[in-house]
PDB file of N, CA and C in Angstrom:
ATOM      1  N   MET A   1       0.897  -1.486  -0.102  1.00  0.00           N
ATOM      2  CA  MET A   1       0.077   0.332  -0.567  1.00  0.00           C
ATOM      3  C   MET A   1       0.722   1.223   0.001  1.00  0.00           C
ATOM      4  N   ASN A   2       0.984   2.150  -0.984  1.00  0.00           N
ATOM      5  CA  ASN A   2       1.278   3.111  -1.253  1.00  0.00           C
ATOM      6  C   ASN A   2       0.814   4.504  -0.987  1.00  0.00           C
ATOM      7  N   LYS A   3       0.152   5.159   0.274  1.00  0.00           N
ATOM      8  CA  LYS A   3      -0.501   6.260   0.410  1.00  0.00           C
ATOM      9  C   LYS A   3       0.268   7.619   0.134  1.00  0.00           C
ATOM     10  N   GLU A   4      -0.558   8.266  -0.243  1.00  0.00           N
ATOM     11  CA  GLU A   4      -0.088   9.824  -0.445  1.00  0.00           C
ATOM     12  C   GLU A   4      -0.027  10.549   0.859  1.00  0.00           C
ATOM     13  N   ARG A   5       0.544  11.797   0.771  1.00  0.00           N
ATOM     14  CA  ARG A   5      -0.019  12.655   1.784  1.00  0.00           C
ATOM     15  C   ARG A   5      -1.026  12.820   1.578  1.00  0.00           C
ATOM     16  N   TYR A   6      -1.629  13.196   3.388  1.00  0.00           N
ATOM     17  CA  TYR A   6      -3.446  13.533   2.907  1.00  0.00           C
ATOM     18  C   TYR A   6      -3.409  14.203   4.340  1.00  0.00           C
ATOM     19  N   LYS A   7      -4.956  14.842   4.708  1.00  0.00           N
ATOM     20  CA  LYS A   7      -5.001  15.912   5.228  1.00  0.00           C
ATOM     21  C   LYS A   7      -6.309  15.628   6.171  1.00  0.00           C
ATOM     22  N   GLU A   8      -6.002  15.513   7.326  1.00  0.00           N
ATOM     23  CA  GLU A   8      -7.140  14.695   8.450  1.00  0.00           C
ATOM     24  C   GLU A   8      -8.024  16.379   9.015  1.00  0.00           C
ATOM     25  N   GLU A   9      -9.270  16.346   8.804  1.00  0.00           N
ATOM     26  CA  GLU A   9      -9.817  17.822   9.551  1.00  0.00           C
ATOM     27  C   GLU A   9     -10.623  17.355  10.779  1.00  0.00           C
ATOM     28  N   TYR A  10     -10.629  18.156  11.961  1.00  0.00           N
ATOM     29  CA  TYR A  10     -11.352  17.712  12.831  1.00  0.00           C
ATOM     30  C   TYR A  10     -12.417  18.390  12.775  1.00  0.00           C
ATOM     31  N   GLU A  11     -13.408  18.281  13.671  1.00  0.00           N
ATOM     32  CA  GLU A  11     -14.329  19.116  14.247  1.00  0.00           C
ATOM     33  C   GLU A  11     -14.219  20.715  15.187  1.00  0.00           C
ATOM     34  N   GLU A  12     -13.050  20.108  16.143  1.00  0.00           N
ATOM     35  CA  GLU A  12     -12.595  20.813  17.161  1.00  0.00           C
ATOM     36  C   GLU A  12     -11.593  22.224  15.941  1.00  0.00           C
ATOM     37  N   GLY A  13     -11.602  21.769  14.747  1.00  0.00           N
ATOM     38  CA  GLY A  13     -10.956  23.141  14.386  1.00  0.00           C
ATOM     39  C   GLY A  13      -9.351  22.808  14.145  1.00  0.00           C
ATOM     40  N   SER A  14      -8.616  21.250  14.506  1.00  0.00           N
ATOM     41  CA  SER A  14      -7.455  21.355  13.892  1.00  0.00           C
ATOM     42  C   SER A  14      -7.483  20.253  13.233  1.00  0.00           C
ATOM     43  N   ASP A  15      -6.608  20.747  12.225  1.00  0.00           N
ATOM     44  CA  ASP A  15      -5.874  20.056  10.966  1.00  0.00           C
ATOM     45  C   ASP A  15      -4.627  19.069  11.215  1.00  0.00           C
ATOM     46  N   LEU A  16      -4.750  17.448  11.108  1.00  0.00           N
ATOM     47  CA  LEU A  16      -3.503  16.892  10.475  1.00  0.00           C
ATOM     48  C   LEU A  16      -3.099  16.494   9.406  1.00  0.00           C
ATOM     49  N   LEU A  17      -1.503  16.795   9.062  1.00  0.00           N
ATOM     50  CA  LEU A  17      -1.563  16.419   7.672  1.00  0.00           C
ATOM     51  C   LEU A  17      -0.575  15.301   8.062  1.00  0.00           C
ATOM     52  N   TRP A  18      -0.587  14.244   7.596  1.00  0.00           N
ATOM     53  CA  TRP A  18      -0.127  12.992   7.345  1.00  0.00           C
ATOM     54  C   TRP A  18       0.706  12.926   6.729  1.00  0.00           C
ATOM     55  N   PRO A  19       1.744  12.319   6.744  1.00  0.00           N
ATOM     56  CA  PRO A  19       3.025  11.996   5.630  1.00  0.00           C
ATOM     57  C   PRO A  19       2.784  10.951   4.626  1.00  0.00           C
ATOM     58  N   SER A  20       3.595  10.721   3.273  1.00  0.00           N
ATOM     59  CA  SER A  20       2.980   9.759   2.325  1.00  0.00           C
ATOM     60  C   SER A  20       3.896   8.444   2.995  1.00  0.00           C
ATOM     61  N   ASP A  21       3.738   7.644   2.416  1.00  0.00           N
ATOM     62  CA  ASP A  21       4.801   6.205   3.037  1.00  0.00           C
ATOM     63  C   ASP A  21       6.022   6.695   2.950  1.00  0.00           C
ATOM     64  N   LYS A  22       6.207   6.844   1.593  1.00  0.00           N
ATOM     65  CA  LYS A  22       7.781   7.603   1.137  1.00  0.00           C
ATOM     66  C   LYS A  22       8.515   8.113   2.816  1.00  0.00           C
ATOM     67  N   GLU A  23       7.651   9.318   2.790  1.00  0.00           N
ATOM     68  CA  GLU A  23       8.303  10.440   3.512  1.00  0.00           C
ATOM     69  C   GLU A  23       7.997   9.689   5.026  1.00  0.00           C
ATOM     70  N   ASP A  24       7.115   8.852   5.248  1.00  0.00           N
ATOM     71  CA  ASP A  24       7.176   8.667   6.727  1.00  0.00           C
ATOM     72  C   ASP A  24       8.762   7.090   6.701  1.00  0.00           C
ATOM     73  N   GLN A  25       8.875   6.938   5.578  1.00  0.00           N
ATOM     74  CA  GLN A  25      10.073   5.856   5.880  1.00  0.00           C
ATOM     75  C   GLN A  25      11.389   6.305   6.169  1.00  0.00           C
ATOM     76  N   ILE A  26      11.386   7.554   5.039  1.00  0.00           N
ATOM     77  CA  ILE A  26      12.714   8.453   5.442  1.00  0.00           C
ATOM     78  C   ILE A  26      12.893   8.638   6.609  1.00  0.00           C
ATOM     79  N   THR A  27      11.560   9.124   7.295  1.00  0.00           N
ATOM     80  CA  THR A  27      11.614   9.886   8.418  1.00  0.00           C
ATOM     81  C   THR A  27      12.176   8.999   9.465  1.00  0.00           C
ATOM     82  N   ARG A  28      11.564   7.767   9.366  1.00  0.00           N
ATOM     83  CA  ARG A  28      11.817   6.550  10.880  1.00  0.00           C
ATOM     84  C   ARG A  28      13.451   6.045  10.788  1.00  0.00           C
ATOM     85  N   LYS A  29      13.667   6.070   9.116  1.00  0.00           N
ATOM     86  CA  LYS A  29      15.062   5.785   9.155  1.00  0.00           C
ATOM     87  C   LYS A  29      16.332   6.845   9.488  1.00  0.00           C
ATOM     88  N   PHE A  30      15.824   8.001   9.238  1.00  0.00           N
ATOM     89  CA  PHE A  30      16.815   9.251   9.846  1.00  0.00           C
ATOM     90  C   PHE A  30      16.790   8.735  11.499  1.00  0.00           C
ATOM     91  N   TYR A  31      15.690   8.837  11.664  1.00  0.00           N
ATOM     92  CA  TYR A  31      15.530   8.791  13.540  1.00  0.00           C
ATOM     93  C   TYR A  31      16.328   7.525  13.725  1.00  0.00           C
ATOM     94  N   LYS A  32      16.434   6.681  13.163  1.00  0.00           N
ATOM     95  CA  LYS A  32      16.800   5.079  13.520  1.00  0.00           C
ATOM     96  C   LYS A  32      18.132   5.421  13.719  1.00  0.00           C
ATOM     97  N   ASP A  33      19.025   6.029  12.303  1.00  0.00           N
ATOM     98  CA  ASP A  33      20.347   6.364  12.475  1.00  0.00           C
ATOM     99  C   ASP A  33      21.150   7.371  13.533  1.00  0.00           C
ATOM    100  N   LEU A  34      20.008   8.887  13.409  1.00  0.00           N
ATOM    101  CA  LEU A  34      20.201   9.279  14.745  1.00  0.00           C
ATOM    102  C   LEU A  34      20.494   8.789  15.903  1.00  0.00           C
ATOM    103  N   SER A  35      19.567   7.941  16.090  1.00  0.00           N
ATOM    104  CA  SER A  35      19.890   7.067  17.640  1.00  0.00           C
ATOM    105  C   SER A  35      21.053   6.030  17.805  1.00  0.00           C
ATOM    106  N   ASN A  36      21.048   5.616  16.131  1.00  0.00           N
ATOM    107  CA  ASN A  36      22.424   4.652  16.625  1.00  0.00           C
ATOM    108  C   ASN A  36      23.592   5.445  16.228  1.00  0.00           C
ATOM    109  N   LEU A  37      23.670   6.694  15.989  1.00  0.00           N
ATOM    110  CA  LEU A  37      24.873   7.650  15.852  1.00  0.00           C
ATOM    111  C   LEU A  37      25.243   8.307  17.617  1.00  0.00           C
ATOM    112  N   SER A  38      23.901   8.431  18.034  1.00  0.00           N
ATOM    113  CA  SER A  38      24.157   8.774  19.620  1.00  0.00           C
ATOM    114  C   SER A  38      24.043   7.635  20.534  1.00  0.00           C
ATOM    115  N   LYS A  39      24.271   6.208  20.329  1.00  0.00           N
ATOM    116  CA  LYS A  39      24.550   5.559  20.624  1.00  0.00           C
ATOM    117  C   LYS A  39      26.255   5.333  20.628  1.00  0.00           C
ATOM    118  N   ASN A  40      26.316   5.387  19.706  1.00  0.00           N
ATOM    119  CA  ASN A  40      27.967   4.870  19.587  1.00  0.00           C
ATOM    120  C   ASN A  40      28.876   6.501  19.954  1.00  0.00           C
ATOM    121  N   ILE A  41      28.538   7.631  19.973  1.00  0.00           N
ATOM    122  CA  ILE A  41      29.055   8.406  20.648  1.00  0.00           C
ATOM    123  C   ILE A  41      29.140   8.567  22.137  1.00  0.00           C
ATOM    124  N   ASN A  42      27.912   8.026  22.858  1.00  0.00           N
ATOM    125  CA  ASN A  42      28.328   7.297  24.022  1.00  0.00           C
ATOM    126  C   ASN A  42      28.773   6.266  24.701  1.00  0.00           C
ATOM    127  N   TYR A  43      28.582   5.291  23.345  1.00  0.00           N
ATOM    128  CA  TYR A  43      29.808   4.522  23.629  1.00  0.00           C
ATOM    129  C   TYR A  43      31.306   4.748  23.654  1.00  0.00           C
ATOM    130  N   SER A  44      31.702   5.457  22.931  1.00  0.00           N
ATOM    131  CA  SER A  44      33.012   6.087  22.849  1.00  0.00           C
ATOM    132  C   SER A  44      33.152   7.125  23.779  1.00  0.00           C
ATOM    133  N   LYS A  45      32.263   7.595  24.397  1.00  0.00           N
ATOM    134  CA  LYS A  45      32.932   8.729  25.564  1.00  0.00           C
ATOM    135  C   LYS A  45      32.989   7.623  27.009  1.00  0.00           C
ATOM    136  N   LYS A  46      32.253   6.430  26.964  1.00  0.00           N
ATOM    137  CA  LYS A  46      32.286   5.945  28.007  1.00  0.00           C
ATOM    138  C   LYS A  46      33.828   5.219  28.106  1.00  0.00           C
ATOM    139  N   LYS A  47      34.051   4.844  26.952  1.00  0.00           N
ATOM    140  CA  LYS A  47      34.853   3.622  26.627  1.00  0.00           C
ATOM    141  C   LYS A  47      36.268   4.725  27.077  1.00  0.00           C
ATOM    142  N   LYS A  48      36.665   5.962  26.532  1.00  0.00           N
ATOM    143  CA  LYS A  48      37.291   6.638  26.355  1.00  0.00           C
ATOM    144  C   LYS A  48      37.643   7.287  28.494  1.00  0.00           C
ATOM    145  N   LEU A  49      36.290   7.216  28.958  1.00  0.00           N
ATOM    146  CA  LEU A  49      36.203   7.577  30.376  1.00  0.00           C
ATOM    147  C   LEU A  49      36.805   6.348  31.345  1.00  0.00           C
ATOM    148  N   LYS A  50      36.523   5.234  30.945  1.00  0.00           N
ATOM    149  CA  LYS A  50      36.950   4.076  31.438  1.00  0.00           C
ATOM    150  C   LYS A  50      38.919   4.026  31.436  1.00  0.00           C
ATOM    151  N   LEU A  51      38.964   3.964  29.973  1.00  0.00           N
ATOM    152  CA  LEU A  51      40.275   4.408  29.685  1.00  0.00           C
ATOM    153  C   LEU A  51      41.245   5.072  30.883  1.00  0.00           C
ATOM    154  N   PHE A  52      40.271   6.233  30.818  1.00  0.00           N
ATOM    155  CA  PHE A  52      41.122   7.340  32.189  1.00  0.00           C
ATOM    156  C   PHE A  52      41.248   7.086  33.502  1.00  0.00           C
ATOM    157  N   GLU A  53      40.089   6.533  33.682  1.00  0.00           N
ATOM    158  CA  GLU A  53      39.956   5.735  35.061  1.00  0.00           C
ATOM    159  C   GLU A  53      41.088   4.391  35.284  1.00  0.00           C
ATOM    160  N   GLN A  54      41.216   4.099  34.370  1.00  0.00           N
ATOM    161  CA  GLN A  54      42.277   3.004  34.745  1.00  0.00           C
ATOM    162  C   GLN A  54      43.736   3.526  34.492  1.00  0.00           C
ATOM    163  N   PHE A  55      43.913   4.697  33.721  1.00  0.00           N
ATOM    164  CA  PHE A  55      44.886   5.559  33.972  1.00  0.00           C
ATOM    165  C   PHE A  55      45.410   5.903  35.202  1.00  0.00           C
ATOM    166  N   VAL A  56      44.179   6.448  35.515  1.00  0.00           N
ATOM    167  CA  VAL A  56      44.746   7.221  37.335  1.00  0.00           C
ATOM    168  C   VAL A  56      44.873   5.957  38.436  1.00  0.00           C
ATOM    169  N   ARG A  57      43.734   4.746  37.976  1.00  0.00           N
ATOM    170  CA  ARG A  57      44.388   3.373  39.177  1.00  0.00           C
ATOM    171  C   ARG A  57      45.638   3.141  38.615  1.00  0.00           C
ATOM    172  N   ILE A  58      46.217   3.095  37.922  1.00  0.00           N
ATOM    173  CA  ILE A  58      47.847   3.097  37.617  1.00  0.00           C
ATOM    174  C   ILE A  58      48.663   4.019  38.372  1.00  0.00           C
ATOM    175  N   LEU A  59      48.190   5.194  38.288  1.00  0.00           N
ATOM    176  CA  LEU A  59      49.283   6.363  38.588  1.00  0.00           C
ATOM    177  C   LEU A  59      49.329   6.473  40.233  1.00  0.00           C
ATOM    178  N   LYS A  60      48.169   5.783  40.673  1.00  0.00           N
ATOM    179  CA  LYS A  60      47.974   5.343  42.097  1.00  0.00           C
ATOM    180  C   LYS A  60      48.712   3.877  42.703  1.00  0.00           C
ATOM    181  N   GLY A  61      48.471   3.548  42.078  1.00  0.00           N
ATOM    182  CA  GLY A  61      49.921   2.661  42.134  1.00  0.00           C
ATOM    183  C   GLY A  61      48.470   0.997  42.487  1.00  0.00           C
ATOM    184  N   LYS A  62      47.224   1.160  41.898  1.00  0.00           N
ATOM    185  CA  LYS A  62      46.364  -0.258  42.369  1.00  0.00           C
ATOM    186  C   LYS A  62      45.978  -0.676  41.698  1.00  0.00           C
ATOM    187  N   GLY A  63      46.761  -0.662  40.272  1.00  0.00           N
ATOM    188  CA  GLY A  63      47.041  -1.796  39.357  1.00  0.00           C
ATOM    189  C   GLY A  63      45.924  -1.838  38.411  1.00  0.00           C
ATOM    190  N   TRP A  64      45.768  -2.745  37.569  1.00  0.00           N
ATOM    191  CA  TRP A  64      44.663  -3.245  36.523  1.00  0.00           C
ATOM    192  C   TRP A  64      43.472  -3.683  36.840  1.00  0.00           C
ATOM    193  N   GLY A  65      43.518  -3.879  38.339  1.00  0.00           N
ATOM    194  CA  GLY A  65      41.936  -4.632  38.788  1.00  0.00           C
ATOM    195  C   GLY A  65      41.054  -3.504  39.261  1.00  0.00           C
TER     196      GLY A  65
END
């Protein structure tokens, strides 16, 4: 089913503009990619922090544990 963009009007006076299937797929892919990028950045920051914590432990003489 390939829906085109359409407008839905309500009695209260509000109107909703619904995306087409193609626009919806593109939007969902964008937010999925953005979410994955965010997860990768957070993982990278945590990894760097753990490396820094390990370095501080070595300096303090508490070893690798």
